[in-house]
């Protein structure tokens, strides 16, 4: 039985397209994710020349990777972003690439709103070549706590779901393992941004394509709801009148299995017991 979509696929694509003209004014979260992924890639002692970038709202990822000698293909859920980079419009759980096509996949800033995240990770593992690497980053559980609280307060007894369900770092790591990646790693960091009012925060979210794309289509915010939410958001402000909002970024890395990869030692193969190893030396 096919599960119903959590996110509206067409609305998601339209929101990605709509953000394009002024994305550079709201790109701080994408920039933070991409910079960290590129730093992690710099620690990898392999060439990984054939690269797929998923999530390409501008040309920064392509330029940085091509400067490192990589051949880059771009894919994006939005048509305008894909066209601007000469890439392919595609969703992460329906990537149109053959198995064993790439040495490296970088997925930046989109996996938080894909309908079938387990399926997307399995598909990415399939289109990687053996011993290929996946690096991904997306907004995860713990993001936007003050906005969430403000909206719930503003709507009173019957709050609607305006913020997407979020994946926590432990669940993300489990999904990576279940998708068949070797040496899976999941970790997170929190980026804090300070806002003078809730409207500017919402404006940033729309500008980066992170607005609500739930298939349930919650009703638009009423004026009284927005006023109540604004007051609650302002009540959490620091003495300078600005409220700190958190963006929890989840990072994933994993390798497609290959016989050349190091294997963990067999259980019981140690020649020294843990108790002996932990004894204090005389």
C-alpha atoms as a PDB file:
ATOM      1  CA  UNK A   1       0.000   0.000   0.000  1.00  0.00           C
ATOM      2  CA  UNK A   2       1.416   3.380  -0.995  1.00  0.00           C
ATOM      3  CA  UNK A   3       1.875   5.782   1.896  1.00  0.00           C
ATOM      4  CA  UNK A   4       0.390   9.268   1.427  1.00  0.00           C
ATOM      5  CA  UNK A   5       2.871  12.063   0.854  1.00  0.00           C
ATOM      6  CA  UNK A   6       3.811  14.236   3.818  1.00  0.00           C
ATOM      7  CA  UNK A   7       4.919  17.073   1.548  1.00  0.00           C
ATOM      8  CA  UNK A   8       3.215  18.520  -1.514  1.00  0.00           C
ATOM      9  CA  UNK A   9       5.712  17.780  -4.286  1.00  0.00           C
ATOM     10  CA  UNK A  10       4.452  20.417  -6.724  1.00  0.00           C
ATOM     11  CA  UNK A  11       4.237  23.109  -4.061  1.00  0.00           C
ATOM     12  CA  UNK A  12       7.752  22.254  -2.942  1.00  0.00           C
ATOM     13  CA  UNK A  13       9.049  22.734  -6.479  1.00  0.00           C
ATOM     14  CA  UNK A  14       7.190  26.045  -6.852  1.00  0.00           C
ATOM     15  CA  UNK A  15       8.575  27.341  -3.574  1.00  0.00           C
ATOM     16  CA  UNK A  16      12.092  26.417  -4.701  1.00  0.00           C
ATOM     17  CA  UNK A  17      11.545  28.331  -7.937  1.00  0.00           C
ATOM     18  CA  UNK A  18      10.036  31.327  -6.175  1.00  0.00           C
ATOM     19  CA  UNK A  19      13.065  31.768  -3.913  1.00  0.00           C
ATOM     20  CA  UNK A  20      15.562  31.937  -6.762  1.00  0.00           C
ATOM     21  CA  UNK A  21      15.613  35.675  -7.687  1.00  0.00           C
ATOM     22  CA  UNK A  22      16.534  36.843  -4.164  1.00  0.00           C
ATOM     23  CA  UNK A  23      18.066  33.726  -2.635  1.00  0.00           C
ATOM     24  CA  UNK A  24      21.389  35.480  -1.970  1.00  0.00           C
ATOM     25  CA  UNK A  25      19.613  37.698   0.584  1.00  0.00           C
ATOM     26  CA  UNK A  26      18.543  34.666   2.637  1.00  0.00           C
ATOM     27  CA  UNK A  27      21.255  32.088   2.000  1.00  0.00           C
ATOM     28  CA  UNK A  28      22.999  32.026   5.391  1.00  0.00           C
ATOM     29  CA  UNK A  29      21.743  28.552   6.364  1.00  0.00           C
ATOM     30  CA  UNK A  30      22.614  27.000   3.014  1.00  0.00           C
ATOM     31  CA  UNK A  31      26.012  28.695   3.125  1.00  0.00           C
ATOM     32  CA  UNK A  32      26.752  27.342   6.616  1.00  0.00           C
ATOM     33  CA  UNK A  33      25.804  23.804   5.550  1.00  0.00           C
ATOM     34  CA  UNK A  34      27.782  23.916   2.330  1.00  0.00           C
ATOM     35  CA  UNK A  35      30.902  25.339   3.959  1.00  0.00           C
ATOM     36  CA  UNK A  36      30.876  22.562   6.561  1.00  0.00           C
ATOM     37  CA  UNK A  37      30.349  19.846   3.945  1.00  0.00           C
ATOM     38  CA  UNK A  38      33.227  21.194   1.883  1.00  0.00           C
ATOM     39  CA  UNK A  39      35.446  21.280   4.973  1.00  0.00           C
ATOM     40  CA  UNK A  40      34.619  17.648   5.664  1.00  0.00           C
ATOM     41  CA  UNK A  41      35.299  16.718   2.080  1.00  0.00           C
ATOM     42  CA  UNK A  42      38.735  18.341   2.347  1.00  0.00           C
ATOM     43  CA  UNK A  43      39.628  15.733   4.986  1.00  0.00           C
ATOM     44  CA  UNK A  44      38.890  12.854   2.590  1.00  0.00           C
ATOM     45  CA  UNK A  45      42.062  11.485   1.012  1.00  0.00           C
ATOM     46  CA  UNK A  46      40.435  10.330  -2.229  1.00  0.00           C
ATOM     47  CA  UNK A  47      39.777  12.057  -5.521  1.00  0.00           C
ATOM     48  CA  UNK A  48      36.078  11.129  -5.981  1.00  0.00           C
ATOM     49  CA  UNK A  49      35.920  12.938  -9.329  1.00  0.00           C
ATOM     50  CA  UNK A  50      32.345  12.283 -10.559  1.00  0.00           C
ATOM     51  CA  UNK A  51      30.062  14.305  -8.269  1.00  0.00           C
ATOM     52  CA  UNK A  52      26.321  14.805  -7.910  1.00  0.00           C
ATOM     53  CA  UNK A  53      25.113  17.890  -6.030  1.00  0.00           C
ATOM     54  CA  UNK A  54      21.525  17.687  -4.759  1.00  0.00           C
ATOM     55  CA  UNK A  55      20.198  21.116  -3.849  1.00  0.00           C
ATOM     56  CA  UNK A  56      21.729  23.807  -6.058  1.00  0.00           C
ATOM     57  CA  UNK A  57      19.956  27.136  -5.488  1.00  0.00           C
ATOM     58  CA  UNK A  58      23.033  28.945  -6.797  1.00  0.00           C
ATOM     59  CA  UNK A  59      26.350  28.096  -8.416  1.00  0.00           C
ATOM     60  CA  UNK A  60      28.474  28.100  -5.265  1.00  0.00           C
ATOM     61  CA  UNK A  61      28.630  24.323  -4.760  1.00  0.00           C
ATOM     62  CA  UNK A  62      29.465  23.696  -8.413  1.00  0.00           C
ATOM     63  CA  UNK A  63      32.175  26.362  -8.439  1.00  0.00           C
ATOM     64  CA  UNK A  64      33.808  25.108  -5.246  1.00  0.00           C
ATOM     65  CA  UNK A  65      33.820  21.488  -6.397  1.00  0.00           C
ATOM     66  CA  UNK A  66      35.020  22.238  -9.908  1.00  0.00           C
ATOM     67  CA  UNK A  67      37.871  24.226  -8.370  1.00  0.00           C
ATOM     68  CA  UNK A  68      38.892  20.952  -6.725  1.00  0.00           C
ATOM     69  CA  UNK A  69      38.950  19.194 -10.080  1.00  0.00           C
ATOM     70  CA  UNK A  70      35.587  17.469  -9.873  1.00  0.00           C
ATOM     71  CA  UNK A  71      33.101  16.940 -12.670  1.00  0.00           C
ATOM     72  CA  UNK A  72      29.747  18.109 -11.296  1.00  0.00           C
ATOM     73  CA  UNK A  73      26.131  17.261 -12.131  1.00  0.00           C
ATOM     74  CA  UNK A  74      23.424  19.256 -10.327  1.00  0.00           C
ATOM     75  CA  UNK A  75      19.946  18.140  -9.353  1.00  0.00           C
ATOM     76  CA  UNK A  76      17.284  20.170  -7.574  1.00  0.00           C
ATOM     77  CA  UNK A  77      13.584  19.707  -6.718  1.00  0.00           C
ATOM     78  CA  UNK A  78      12.921  23.084  -8.327  1.00  0.00           C
ATOM     79  CA  UNK A  79      12.900  23.591 -12.089  1.00  0.00           C
ATOM     80  CA  UNK A  80      14.480  27.057 -12.070  1.00  0.00           C
ATOM     81  CA  UNK A  81      17.417  26.041  -9.881  1.00  0.00           C
ATOM     82  CA  UNK A  82      18.107  22.937 -11.967  1.00  0.00           C
ATOM     83  CA  UNK A  83      17.886  24.900 -15.219  1.00  0.00           C
ATOM     84  CA  UNK A  84      20.178  27.666 -13.938  1.00  0.00           C
ATOM     85  CA  UNK A  85      22.899  25.100 -13.231  1.00  0.00           C
ATOM     86  CA  UNK A  86      22.339  23.087 -16.411  1.00  0.00           C
ATOM     87  CA  UNK A  87      21.158  20.259 -14.216  1.00  0.00           C
ATOM     88  CA  UNK A  88      18.208  17.934 -13.689  1.00  0.00           C
ATOM     89  CA  UNK A  89      14.949  18.624 -11.895  1.00  0.00           C
ATOM     90  CA  UNK A  90      14.420  15.643  -9.635  1.00  0.00           C
ATOM     91  CA  UNK A  91      13.299  14.728  -6.149  1.00  0.00           C
ATOM     92  CA  UNK A  92      15.636  12.851  -3.872  1.00  0.00           C
ATOM     93  CA  UNK A  93      13.409   9.774  -3.660  1.00  0.00           C
ATOM     94  CA  UNK A  94      13.129   9.572  -7.471  1.00  0.00           C
ATOM     95  CA  UNK A  95      16.605  10.383  -8.773  1.00  0.00           C
ATOM     96  CA  UNK A  96      16.859   9.521 -12.511  1.00  0.00           C
ATOM     97  CA  UNK A  97      20.416   8.198 -12.494  1.00  0.00           C
ATOM     98  CA  UNK A  98      21.731   4.708 -13.145  1.00  0.00           C
ATOM     99  CA  UNK A  99      23.340   2.597 -10.465  1.00  0.00           C
ATOM    100  CA  UNK A 100      27.074   3.202  -9.937  1.00  0.00           C
ATOM    101  CA  UNK A 101      27.020   6.632 -11.623  1.00  0.00           C
ATOM    102  CA  UNK A 102      28.905   8.851  -9.137  1.00  0.00           C
ATOM    103  CA  UNK A 103      31.870   8.767  -6.791  1.00  0.00           C
ATOM    104  CA  UNK A 104      30.480  11.483  -4.518  1.00  0.00           C
ATOM    105  CA  UNK A 105      27.046  12.839  -3.637  1.00  0.00           C
ATOM    106  CA  UNK A 106      26.623  16.097  -1.755  1.00  0.00           C
ATOM    107  CA  UNK A 107      23.031  16.731  -0.621  1.00  0.00           C
ATOM    108  CA  UNK A 108      22.770  20.210   0.850  1.00  0.00           C
ATOM    109  CA  UNK A 109      19.692  21.638   2.500  1.00  0.00           C
ATOM    110  CA  UNK A 110      16.829  19.628   1.003  1.00  0.00           C
ATOM    111  CA  UNK A 111      16.451  16.285   2.799  1.00  0.00           C
ATOM    112  CA  UNK A 112      14.286  17.802   5.540  1.00  0.00           C
ATOM    113  CA  UNK A 113      11.325  17.994   3.147  1.00  0.00           C
ATOM    114  CA  UNK A 114      11.647  14.823   1.061  1.00  0.00           C
ATOM    115  CA  UNK A 115       8.677  12.459   1.317  1.00  0.00           C
ATOM    116  CA  UNK A 116      10.536   9.158   1.456  1.00  0.00           C
ATOM    117  CA  UNK A 117      13.819   9.806   3.250  1.00  0.00           C
ATOM    118  CA  UNK A 118      14.689   6.105   3.757  1.00  0.00           C
ATOM    119  CA  UNK A 119      14.024   5.488   0.051  1.00  0.00           C
ATOM    120  CA  UNK A 120      16.066   8.540  -0.932  1.00  0.00           C
ATOM    121  CA  UNK A 121      19.080   7.309   1.060  1.00  0.00           C
ATOM    122  CA  UNK A 122      18.799   3.830  -0.467  1.00  0.00           C
ATOM    123  CA  UNK A 123      18.637   5.374  -3.932  1.00  0.00           C
ATOM    124  CA  UNK A 124      21.695   7.547  -3.255  1.00  0.00           C
ATOM    125  CA  UNK A 125      23.626   4.493  -2.101  1.00  0.00           C
ATOM    126  CA  UNK A 126      22.656   2.661  -5.295  1.00  0.00           C
ATOM    127  CA  UNK A 127      23.781   5.434  -7.651  1.00  0.00           C
ATOM    128  CA  UNK A 128      27.123   5.750  -5.887  1.00  0.00           C
ATOM    129  CA  UNK A 129      29.975   3.645  -7.178  1.00  0.00           C
ATOM    130  CA  UNK A 130      31.512   1.128  -4.769  1.00  0.00           C
ATOM    131  CA  UNK A 131      33.531   3.001  -2.127  1.00  0.00           C
ATOM    132  CA  UNK A 132      31.699   6.218  -3.081  1.00  0.00           C
ATOM    133  CA  UNK A 133      30.841   8.820  -0.457  1.00  0.00           C
ATOM    134  CA  UNK A 134      27.624  10.561   0.585  1.00  0.00           C
ATOM    135  CA  UNK A 135      27.821  13.869   2.465  1.00  0.00           C
ATOM    136  CA  UNK A 136      24.525  15.486   3.461  1.00  0.00           C
ATOM    137  CA  UNK A 137      23.235  18.336   5.603  1.00  0.00           C
ATOM    138  CA  UNK A 138      19.711  19.460   6.449  1.00  0.00           C
ATOM    139  CA  UNK A 139      17.701  21.205   9.169  1.00  0.00           C
ATOM    140  CA  UNK A 140      16.724  18.637  11.777  1.00  0.00           C
ATOM    141  CA  UNK A 141      14.911  18.203  15.069  1.00  0.00           C
ATOM    142  CA  UNK A 142      15.351  21.129  17.427  1.00  0.00           C
ATOM    143  CA  UNK A 143      15.063  23.742  14.683  1.00  0.00           C
ATOM    144  CA  UNK A 144      12.847  26.814  15.143  1.00  0.00           C
ATOM    145  CA  UNK A 145      11.751  26.183  18.754  1.00  0.00           C
ATOM    146  CA  UNK A 146      10.748  29.795  19.409  1.00  0.00           C
ATOM    147  CA  UNK A 147       8.790  30.122  16.190  1.00  0.00           C
ATOM    148  CA  UNK A 148       6.979  26.861  16.950  1.00  0.00           C
ATOM    149  CA  UNK A 149       6.106  28.007  20.477  1.00  0.00           C
ATOM    150  CA  UNK A 150       4.976  31.417  19.237  1.00  0.00           C
ATOM    151  CA  UNK A 151       2.654  29.949  16.609  1.00  0.00           C
ATOM    152  CA  UNK A 152       1.138  27.481  19.066  1.00  0.00           C
ATOM    153  CA  UNK A 153       0.503  30.314  21.521  1.00  0.00           C
ATOM    154  CA  UNK A 154      -0.960  32.549  18.822  1.00  0.00           C
ATOM    155  CA  UNK A 155      -3.443  29.887  17.685  1.00  0.00           C
ATOM    156  CA  UNK A 156      -4.649  29.013  21.173  1.00  0.00           C
ATOM    157  CA  UNK A 157      -6.553  25.780  21.781  1.00  0.00           C
ATOM    158  CA  UNK A 158      -6.556  24.491  18.196  1.00  0.00           C
ATOM    159  CA  UNK A 159      -3.074  25.005  16.727  1.00  0.00           C
ATOM    160  CA  UNK A 160      -2.437  23.895  13.149  1.00  0.00           C
ATOM    161  CA  UNK A 161       0.804  22.304  12.008  1.00  0.00           C
ATOM    162  CA  UNK A 162       2.763  25.073  10.335  1.00  0.00           C
ATOM    163  CA  UNK A 163       6.286  23.686  10.879  1.00  0.00           C
ATOM    164  CA  UNK A 164       7.474  20.507   9.198  1.00  0.00           C
ATOM    165  CA  UNK A 165       8.084  17.303  11.160  1.00  0.00           C
ATOM    166  CA  UNK A 166      11.795  17.092  11.882  1.00  0.00           C
ATOM    167  CA  UNK A 167      14.290  14.206  11.889  1.00  0.00           C
ATOM    168  CA  UNK A 168      16.613  13.964  14.878  1.00  0.00           C
ATOM    169  CA  UNK A 169      20.272  13.080  14.547  1.00  0.00           C
ATOM    170  CA  UNK A 170      19.945   9.597  16.063  1.00  0.00           C
ATOM    171  CA  UNK A 171      17.106   8.623  13.726  1.00  0.00           C
ATOM    172  CA  UNK A 172      19.054  10.019  10.779  1.00  0.00           C
ATOM    173  CA  UNK A 173      22.046   7.857  11.664  1.00  0.00           C
ATOM    174  CA  UNK A 174      19.822   4.789  11.955  1.00  0.00           C
ATOM    175  CA  UNK A 175      18.316   5.506   8.528  1.00  0.00           C
ATOM    176  CA  UNK A 176      21.803   5.796   7.054  1.00  0.00           C
ATOM    177  CA  UNK A 177      22.737   2.368   8.438  1.00  0.00           C
ATOM    178  CA  UNK A 178      19.497   0.771   7.307  1.00  0.00           C
ATOM    179  CA  UNK A 179      20.043   2.192   3.811  1.00  0.00           C
ATOM    180  CA  UNK A 180      23.185   0.055   3.583  1.00  0.00           C
ATOM    181  CA  UNK A 181      25.949   2.625   4.018  1.00  0.00           C
ATOM    182  CA  UNK A 182      29.254   1.552   5.498  1.00  0.00           C
ATOM    183  CA  UNK A 183      30.939   3.602   8.239  1.00  0.00           C
ATOM    184  CA  UNK A 184      27.836   5.790   8.780  1.00  0.00           C
ATOM    185  CA  UNK A 185      28.264   8.952  10.815  1.00  0.00           C
ATOM    186  CA  UNK A 186      25.563  11.379  11.963  1.00  0.00           C
ATOM    187  CA  UNK A 187      26.196  14.468  14.033  1.00  0.00           C
ATOM    188  CA  UNK A 188      24.704  17.913  14.488  1.00  0.00           C
ATOM    189  CA  UNK A 189      25.396  21.513  15.342  1.00  0.00           C
ATOM    190  CA  UNK A 190      23.177  24.473  16.184  1.00  0.00           C
ATOM    191  CA  UNK A 191      23.253  27.753  14.298  1.00  0.00           C
ATOM    192  CA  UNK A 192      21.679  30.620  16.254  1.00  0.00           C
ATOM    193  CA  UNK A 193      20.286  33.653  14.439  1.00  0.00           C
ATOM    194  CA  UNK A 194      18.829  36.711  16.195  1.00  0.00           C
ATOM    195  CA  UNK A 195      15.727  38.504  14.930  1.00  0.00           C
ATOM    196  CA  UNK A 196      14.073  41.794  15.773  1.00  0.00           C
ATOM    197  CA  UNK A 197      10.627  40.371  15.020  1.00  0.00           C
ATOM    198  CA  UNK A 198       8.891  37.173  13.920  1.00  0.00           C
ATOM    199  CA  UNK A 199       7.950  38.567  10.513  1.00  0.00           C
ATOM    200  CA  UNK A 200      11.611  38.891   9.510  1.00  0.00           C
ATOM    201  CA  UNK A 201      12.205  35.261  10.526  1.00  0.00           C
ATOM    202  CA  UNK A 202       9.270  34.108   8.381  1.00  0.00           C
ATOM    203  CA  UNK A 203      10.549  36.245   5.520  1.00  0.00           C
ATOM    204  CA  UNK A 204      13.951  34.523   5.740  1.00  0.00           C
ATOM    205  CA  UNK A 205      12.330  31.076   5.734  1.00  0.00           C
ATOM    206  CA  UNK A 206      10.333  31.893   2.611  1.00  0.00           C
ATOM    207  CA  UNK A 207      13.409  33.423   0.991  1.00  0.00           C
ATOM    208  CA  UNK A 208      15.436  30.240   1.462  1.00  0.00           C
ATOM    209  CA  UNK A 209      12.605  28.001   0.227  1.00  0.00           C
ATOM    210  CA  UNK A 210      11.904  26.643   3.711  1.00  0.00           C
ATOM    211  CA  UNK A 211       8.270  27.688   3.954  1.00  0.00           C
ATOM    212  CA  UNK A 212       5.466  25.267   4.711  1.00  0.00           C
ATOM    213  CA  UNK A 213       4.966  22.660   1.941  1.00  0.00           C
ATOM    214  CA  UNK A 214       2.929  20.130   3.934  1.00  0.00           C
ATOM    215  CA  UNK A 215       0.456  18.152   1.858  1.00  0.00           C
ATOM    216  CA  UNK A 216      -2.168  18.743   4.563  1.00  0.00           C
ATOM    217  CA  UNK A 217      -2.207  22.429   3.518  1.00  0.00           C
ATOM    218  CA  UNK A 218      -2.730  24.047   6.934  1.00  0.00           C
ATOM    219  CA  UNK A 219      -4.751  27.268   6.834  1.00  0.00           C
ATOM    220  CA  UNK A 220      -2.990  30.592   6.378  1.00  0.00           C
ATOM    221  CA  UNK A 221      -2.209  32.494   9.545  1.00  0.00           C
ATOM    222  CA  UNK A 222      -4.994  34.799  10.633  1.00  0.00           C
ATOM    223  CA  UNK A 223      -4.187  38.355  11.634  1.00  0.00           C
ATOM    224  CA  UNK A 224      -4.998  37.748  15.306  1.00  0.00           C
ATOM    225  CA  UNK A 225      -2.818  34.613  15.263  1.00  0.00           C
ATOM    226  CA  UNK A 226       0.114  36.535  13.848  1.00  0.00           C
ATOM    227  CA  UNK A 227      -0.317  39.310  16.427  1.00  0.00           C
ATOM    228  CA  UNK A 228      -0.356  36.795  19.284  1.00  0.00           C
ATOM    229  CA  UNK A 229       2.620  34.905  17.857  1.00  0.00           C
ATOM    230  CA  UNK A 230       4.559  38.152  17.414  1.00  0.00           C
ATOM    231  CA  UNK A 231       3.953  39.124  21.028  1.00  0.00           C
ATOM    232  CA  UNK A 232       5.057  35.713  22.308  1.00  0.00           C
ATOM    233  CA  UNK A 233       8.167  35.784  20.110  1.00  0.00           C
ATOM    234  CA  UNK A 234       9.041  39.270  21.365  1.00  0.00           C
ATOM    235  CA  UNK A 235       8.628  38.158  24.986  1.00  0.00           C
ATOM    236  CA  UNK A 236      11.637  35.862  24.527  1.00  0.00           C
ATOM    237  CA  UNK A 237      13.858  38.710  23.322  1.00  0.00           C
ATOM    238  CA  UNK A 238      17.199  39.610  24.853  1.00  0.00           C
ATOM    239  CA  UNK A 239      17.642  43.064  26.415  1.00  0.00           C
ATOM    240  CA  UNK A 240      18.530  44.504  23.011  1.00  0.00           C
ATOM    241  CA  UNK A 241      15.094  43.532  21.679  1.00  0.00           C
ATOM    242  CA  UNK A 242      16.266  40.670  19.457  1.00  0.00           C
ATOM    243  CA  UNK A 243      15.120  37.067  19.874  1.00  0.00           C
ATOM    244  CA  UNK A 244      17.552  34.190  19.335  1.00  0.00           C
ATOM    245  CA  UNK A 245      16.230  31.394  17.098  1.00  0.00           C
ATOM    246  CA  UNK A 246      17.992  28.057  16.615  1.00  0.00           C
ATOM    247  CA  UNK A 247      18.598  26.087  13.434  1.00  0.00           C
ATOM    248  CA  UNK A 248      19.703  22.531  14.268  1.00  0.00           C
ATOM    249  CA  UNK A 249      21.746  21.187  11.361  1.00  0.00           C
ATOM    250  CA  UNK A 250      22.124  17.422  10.933  1.00  0.00           C
ATOM    251  CA  UNK A 251      25.179  16.163   9.043  1.00  0.00           C
ATOM    252  CA  UNK A 252      25.428  12.688   7.512  1.00  0.00           C
ATOM    253  CA  UNK A 253      28.267  10.806   5.920  1.00  0.00           C
ATOM    254  CA  UNK A 254      28.491   7.243   4.686  1.00  0.00           C
ATOM    255  CA  UNK A 255      30.313   5.122   2.151  1.00  0.00           C
ATOM    256  CA  UNK A 256      28.910   2.657  -0.332  1.00  0.00           C
ATOM    257  CA  UNK A 257      30.273  -0.733   0.715  1.00  0.00           C
ATOM    258  CA  UNK A 258      33.292  -2.094  -1.128  1.00  0.00           C
ATOM    259  CA  UNK A 259      35.496  -5.147  -0.436  1.00  0.00           C
ATOM    260  CA  UNK A 260      38.543  -2.881  -0.117  1.00  0.00           C
ATOM    261  CA  UNK A 261      37.121  -1.132   2.958  1.00  0.00           C
ATOM    262  CA  UNK A 262      38.462  -1.961   6.390  1.00  0.00           C
ATOM    263  CA  UNK A 263      36.321  -4.432   8.293  1.00  0.00           C
ATOM    264  CA  UNK A 264      35.680  -4.385  12.046  1.00  0.00           C
ATOM    265  CA  UNK A 265      37.490  -7.117  13.967  1.00  0.00           C
ATOM    266  CA  UNK A 266      35.508 -10.286  14.585  1.00  0.00           C
ATOM    267  CA  UNK A 267      33.897 -10.592  17.978  1.00  0.00           C
ATOM    268  CA  UNK A 268      36.173 -12.489  20.352  1.00  0.00           C
ATOM    269  CA  UNK A 269      39.304 -12.011  18.229  1.00  0.00           C
ATOM    270  CA  UNK A 270      41.096  -9.703  20.694  1.00  0.00           C
ATOM    271  CA  UNK A 271      44.258 -11.102  22.255  1.00  0.00           C
ATOM    272  CA  UNK A 272      44.014  -8.911  25.371  1.00  0.00           C
ATOM    273  CA  UNK A 273      40.914  -8.649  27.544  1.00  0.00           C
ATOM    274  CA  UNK A 274      39.329  -5.261  28.150  1.00  0.00           C
ATOM    275  CA  UNK A 275      39.865  -5.723  31.886  1.00  0.00           C
ATOM    276  CA  UNK A 276      43.585  -6.252  31.357  1.00  0.00           C
ATOM    277  CA  UNK A 277      43.842  -3.291  28.983  1.00  0.00           C
ATOM    278  CA  UNK A 278      42.245  -0.981  31.542  1.00  0.00           C
ATOM    279  CA  UNK A 279      44.438  -2.045  34.463  1.00  0.00           C
ATOM    280  CA  UNK A 280      46.664   0.705  35.816  1.00  0.00           C
ATOM    281  CA  UNK A 281      50.296   0.065  35.019  1.00  0.00           C
ATOM    282  CA  UNK A 282      52.635  -0.330  38.006  1.00  0.00           C
END
